[in-house]
């Protein structure tokens, strides 16, 4: 495996345990005396720490060294149903669970899963929903096939990847409304056979990396 692979694995694991323990980069800097630029490069996946630093972090989080250095997405996900994938794209016609374009993972509260509710994450691209959503944000989406008028949703327009838009329902049409005034809304007939609108889910939370 390449160095980039191990950097990426360490970065994902470190960010996971930081989130799980409610710790920021500033907390680690202050608590462990680690250099600011060092923790930044570890989180960004551009450098690997020395093993003594790995052991220091493992002790800090009360975990094993391997929890930080080894790939454990499959085992972790199987034992933690509240961990959901953040997807880079959602192609039309592909079931969410079959999509391999996973760019990150996020943990959600266990009580969100009550009643059989299902969730997925999506990485925001572009600026059509600025300023509420920024490019690079991760959004947590509850899977459902319908929504209330005015909700922000991940929506399929036939033949395209899913898009993030505010859904406005009128008596005779449905409007996909960008929040950025630079972009025009798109209006569709409810019975438009060529461009049927399908709701993939409703946004319940924004996760922004700082």
Protein backbone atom coordinates (compact mmCIF):
# COMPACT_ATOMS: atom_id res chain seq x y z
CA UNK A 1 0.00 0.00 0.00
CA UNK A 2 1.13 3.55 -0.73
CA UNK A 3 1.88 6.21 1.86
CA UNK A 4 -1.20 8.11 0.65
CA UNK A 5 -3.38 5.12 1.56
CA UNK A 6 -2.09 5.04 5.13
CA UNK A 7 -2.32 8.83 5.44
CA UNK A 8 -5.94 8.68 4.37
CA UNK A 9 -6.76 5.85 6.78
CA UNK A 10 -5.10 7.64 9.70
CA UNK A 11 -6.86 10.90 8.84
CA UNK A 12 -10.29 9.24 8.76
CA UNK A 13 -9.70 7.36 12.01
CA UNK A 14 -8.32 10.40 13.81
CA UNK A 15 -11.27 12.58 12.78
CA UNK A 16 -13.68 9.84 13.80
CA UNK A 17 -12.28 9.59 17.34
CA UNK A 18 -12.07 13.37 17.64
CA UNK A 19 -15.78 13.62 16.79
CA UNK A 20 -16.68 10.68 19.02
CA UNK A 21 -14.93 12.35 21.98
CA UNK A 22 -15.98 15.90 21.17
CA UNK A 23 -12.40 17.03 20.67
CA UNK A 24 -11.19 19.68 18.24
CA UNK A 25 -7.72 20.27 16.86
CA UNK A 26 -7.33 23.09 19.38
CA UNK A 27 -8.19 20.70 22.23
CA UNK A 28 -5.48 18.26 21.14
CA UNK A 29 -2.96 21.08 20.74
CA UNK A 30 -3.71 22.33 24.26
CA UNK A 31 -4.06 18.93 25.95
CA UNK A 32 -1.08 17.18 24.38
CA UNK A 33 1.19 20.05 23.39
CA UNK A 34 1.18 18.93 19.75
CA UNK A 35 2.25 21.43 17.12
CA UNK A 36 -0.64 23.17 15.33
CA UNK A 37 0.69 22.47 11.84
CA UNK A 38 1.29 18.80 12.72
CA UNK A 39 -2.27 18.06 13.82
CA UNK A 40 -3.56 19.93 10.78
CA UNK A 41 -1.54 17.78 8.36
CA UNK A 42 -2.64 14.58 10.14
CA UNK A 43 -6.30 15.56 9.86
CA UNK A 44 -5.87 16.60 6.23
CA UNK A 45 -4.15 13.34 5.37
CA UNK A 46 -0.99 14.98 4.07
CA UNK A 47 1.40 13.55 6.70
CA UNK A 48 1.66 10.60 9.06
CA UNK A 49 2.74 11.14 12.68
CA UNK A 50 5.68 9.36 14.27
CA UNK A 51 4.70 6.23 16.17
CA UNK A 52 5.28 7.88 19.54
CA UNK A 53 2.70 10.50 18.58
CA UNK A 54 0.29 7.76 17.44
CA UNK A 55 0.67 6.09 20.85
CA UNK A 56 0.12 9.42 22.57
CA UNK A 57 -3.14 9.91 20.66
CA UNK A 58 -4.24 6.33 21.33
CA UNK A 59 -3.73 6.86 25.07
CA UNK A 60 -5.55 10.19 24.85
CA UNK A 61 -8.63 8.56 23.28
CA UNK A 62 -8.28 5.36 25.34
CA UNK A 63 -8.08 3.18 22.22
CA UNK A 64 -5.58 0.82 20.63
CA UNK A 65 -2.85 1.98 18.24
CA UNK A 66 -4.47 -0.11 15.49
CA UNK A 67 -7.72 1.84 15.89
CA UNK A 68 -5.85 4.80 14.42
CA UNK A 69 -3.53 3.12 11.96
CA UNK A 70 -5.63 0.36 10.40
CA UNK A 71 -8.65 0.30 8.11
CA UNK A 72 -11.72 -0.72 10.11
CA UNK A 73 -14.66 0.81 8.26
CA UNK A 74 -16.38 -2.53 7.58
CA UNK A 75 -16.10 -3.88 11.11
CA UNK A 76 -16.92 -0.53 12.65
CA UNK A 77 -19.99 -0.02 10.48
CA UNK A 78 -21.28 -3.51 11.16
CA UNK A 79 -21.12 -2.93 14.92
CA UNK A 80 -22.22 0.71 14.84
CA UNK A 81 -25.42 1.11 12.81
CA UNK A 82 -25.40 4.83 13.57
CA UNK A 83 -22.37 5.32 11.32
CA UNK A 84 -23.45 6.37 7.84
CA UNK A 85 -21.49 6.89 4.62
CA UNK A 86 -21.03 10.34 3.12
CA UNK A 87 -21.36 10.00 -0.64
CA UNK A 88 -19.65 12.09 -3.25
CA UNK A 89 -22.45 11.57 -5.77
CA UNK A 90 -25.77 9.73 -6.06
CA UNK A 91 -26.34 8.52 -9.62
CA UNK A 92 -29.95 8.13 -10.72
CA UNK A 93 -31.20 4.55 -10.66
CA UNK A 94 -28.54 3.27 -8.24
CA UNK A 95 -29.71 2.18 -4.76
CA UNK A 96 -28.02 4.18 -2.00
CA UNK A 97 -26.57 1.05 -0.41
CA UNK A 98 -24.92 0.07 -3.70
CA UNK A 99 -23.08 3.36 -4.27
CA UNK A 100 -19.31 3.02 -3.88
CA UNK A 101 -18.47 6.74 -4.05
CA UNK A 102 -17.93 7.02 -0.27
CA UNK A 103 -15.82 10.05 0.66
CA UNK A 104 -16.28 10.10 4.44
CA UNK A 105 -18.26 8.68 7.37
CA UNK A 106 -20.46 10.44 9.92
CA UNK A 107 -22.00 9.29 13.20
CA UNK A 108 -25.62 10.14 13.98
CA UNK A 109 -27.57 9.80 17.26
CA UNK A 110 -28.92 6.27 17.77
CA UNK A 111 -32.42 7.57 18.52
CA UNK A 112 -32.65 8.94 14.97
CA UNK A 113 -32.88 5.33 13.78
CA UNK A 114 -36.06 4.59 15.72
CA UNK A 115 -38.99 3.38 13.66
CA UNK A 116 -36.73 1.99 10.96
CA UNK A 117 -35.60 5.41 9.69
CA UNK A 118 -32.58 5.35 7.37
CA UNK A 119 -30.00 8.04 6.63
CA UNK A 120 -27.13 8.79 4.30
CA UNK A 121 -24.65 11.64 3.95
CA UNK A 122 -23.88 13.67 0.86
CA UNK A 123 -20.97 16.00 0.14
CA UNK A 124 -22.19 19.39 -1.11
CA UNK A 125 -20.85 20.46 -4.50
CA UNK A 126 -21.16 23.88 -6.09
CA UNK A 127 -22.70 27.05 -4.69
CA UNK A 128 -26.34 26.88 -5.81
CA UNK A 129 -27.46 26.57 -2.15
CA UNK A 130 -25.11 29.25 -0.80
CA UNK A 131 -25.02 30.76 1.83
CA UNK A 132 -26.85 28.10 3.87
CA UNK A 133 -24.76 25.29 2.39
CA UNK A 134 -21.11 25.65 1.45
CA UNK A 135 -19.17 23.51 -1.00
CA UNK A 136 -17.52 20.73 0.97
CA UNK A 137 -20.20 20.57 3.66
CA UNK A 138 -21.56 17.16 4.54
CA UNK A 139 -25.34 16.99 4.84
CA UNK A 140 -27.20 14.29 6.76
CA UNK A 141 -30.25 13.16 4.81
CA UNK A 142 -33.21 11.11 6.03
CA UNK A 143 -34.29 8.73 3.28
CA UNK A 144 -37.92 9.30 2.28
CA UNK A 145 -39.86 9.50 -0.95
CA UNK A 146 -41.81 12.68 -0.21
CA UNK A 147 -41.42 15.95 1.65
CA UNK A 148 -43.23 19.02 2.89
CA UNK A 149 -43.18 22.16 0.77
CA UNK A 150 -40.22 24.35 1.74
CA UNK A 151 -37.93 21.56 2.89
CA UNK A 152 -34.37 21.19 1.58
CA UNK A 153 -34.13 17.85 -0.18
CA UNK A 154 -31.91 15.63 -2.25
CA UNK A 155 -33.87 15.26 -5.46
CA UNK A 156 -33.59 13.24 -8.66
CA UNK A 157 -34.51 14.78 -11.98
CA UNK A 158 -34.74 11.85 -14.38
CA UNK A 159 -31.44 10.96 -16.00
CA UNK A 160 -29.21 12.98 -13.66
CA UNK A 161 -27.39 12.63 -10.39
CA UNK A 162 -29.33 13.73 -7.33
CA UNK A 163 -29.24 17.44 -6.61
CA UNK A 164 -29.70 19.47 -3.41
CA UNK A 165 -32.52 22.02 -3.68
CA UNK A 166 -35.34 23.60 -1.70
CA UNK A 167 -38.57 21.94 -2.82
CA UNK A 168 -41.59 24.22 -3.21
CA UNK A 169 -44.91 22.55 -3.94
CA UNK A 170 -47.61 24.44 -5.80
CA UNK A 171 -51.04 23.21 -6.83
CA UNK A 172 -50.02 22.50 -10.42
CA UNK A 173 -46.21 22.26 -10.29
CA UNK A 174 -43.16 21.56 -8.17
CA UNK A 175 -40.29 24.05 -7.99
CA UNK A 176 -36.65 23.20 -7.29
CA UNK A 177 -35.44 26.44 -5.75
CA UNK A 178 -31.73 27.28 -5.35
CA UNK A 179 -30.98 29.50 -2.36
CA UNK A 180 -28.31 31.41 -4.28
CA UNK A 181 -30.13 34.15 -6.25
CA UNK A 182 -27.58 33.84 -9.06
CA UNK A 183 -29.33 30.60 -10.08
CA UNK A 184 -32.85 30.36 -11.50
CA UNK A 185 -35.44 28.00 -10.06
CA UNK A 186 -36.53 25.01 -12.14
CA UNK A 187 -40.26 24.37 -12.52
CA UNK A 188 -41.73 20.94 -13.30
CA UNK A 189 -45.21 19.58 -13.89
CA UNK A 190 -46.28 16.89 -11.46
CA UNK A 191 -47.15 14.76 -14.49
CA UNK A 192 -44.01 15.53 -16.51
CA UNK A 193 -43.22 12.16 -18.09
CA UNK A 194 -39.85 13.27 -19.46
CA UNK A 195 -38.48 14.81 -16.26
CA UNK A 196 -40.19 13.16 -13.30
CA UNK A 197 -39.14 14.49 -9.90
CA UNK A 198 -38.23 11.94 -7.24
CA UNK A 199 -37.36 12.84 -3.66
CA UNK A 200 -34.41 10.83 -2.32
CA UNK A 201 -34.52 12.34 1.17
CA UNK A 202 -34.82 15.40 3.38
CA UNK A 203 -31.85 17.25 4.89
CA UNK A 204 -31.85 17.05 8.69
CA UNK A 205 -28.40 18.44 9.53
CA UNK A 206 -25.36 20.17 8.08
CA UNK A 207 -21.88 19.02 9.17
CA UNK A 208 -19.23 21.61 8.38
CA UNK A 209 -15.52 20.93 8.72
CA UNK A 210 -13.54 23.78 10.27
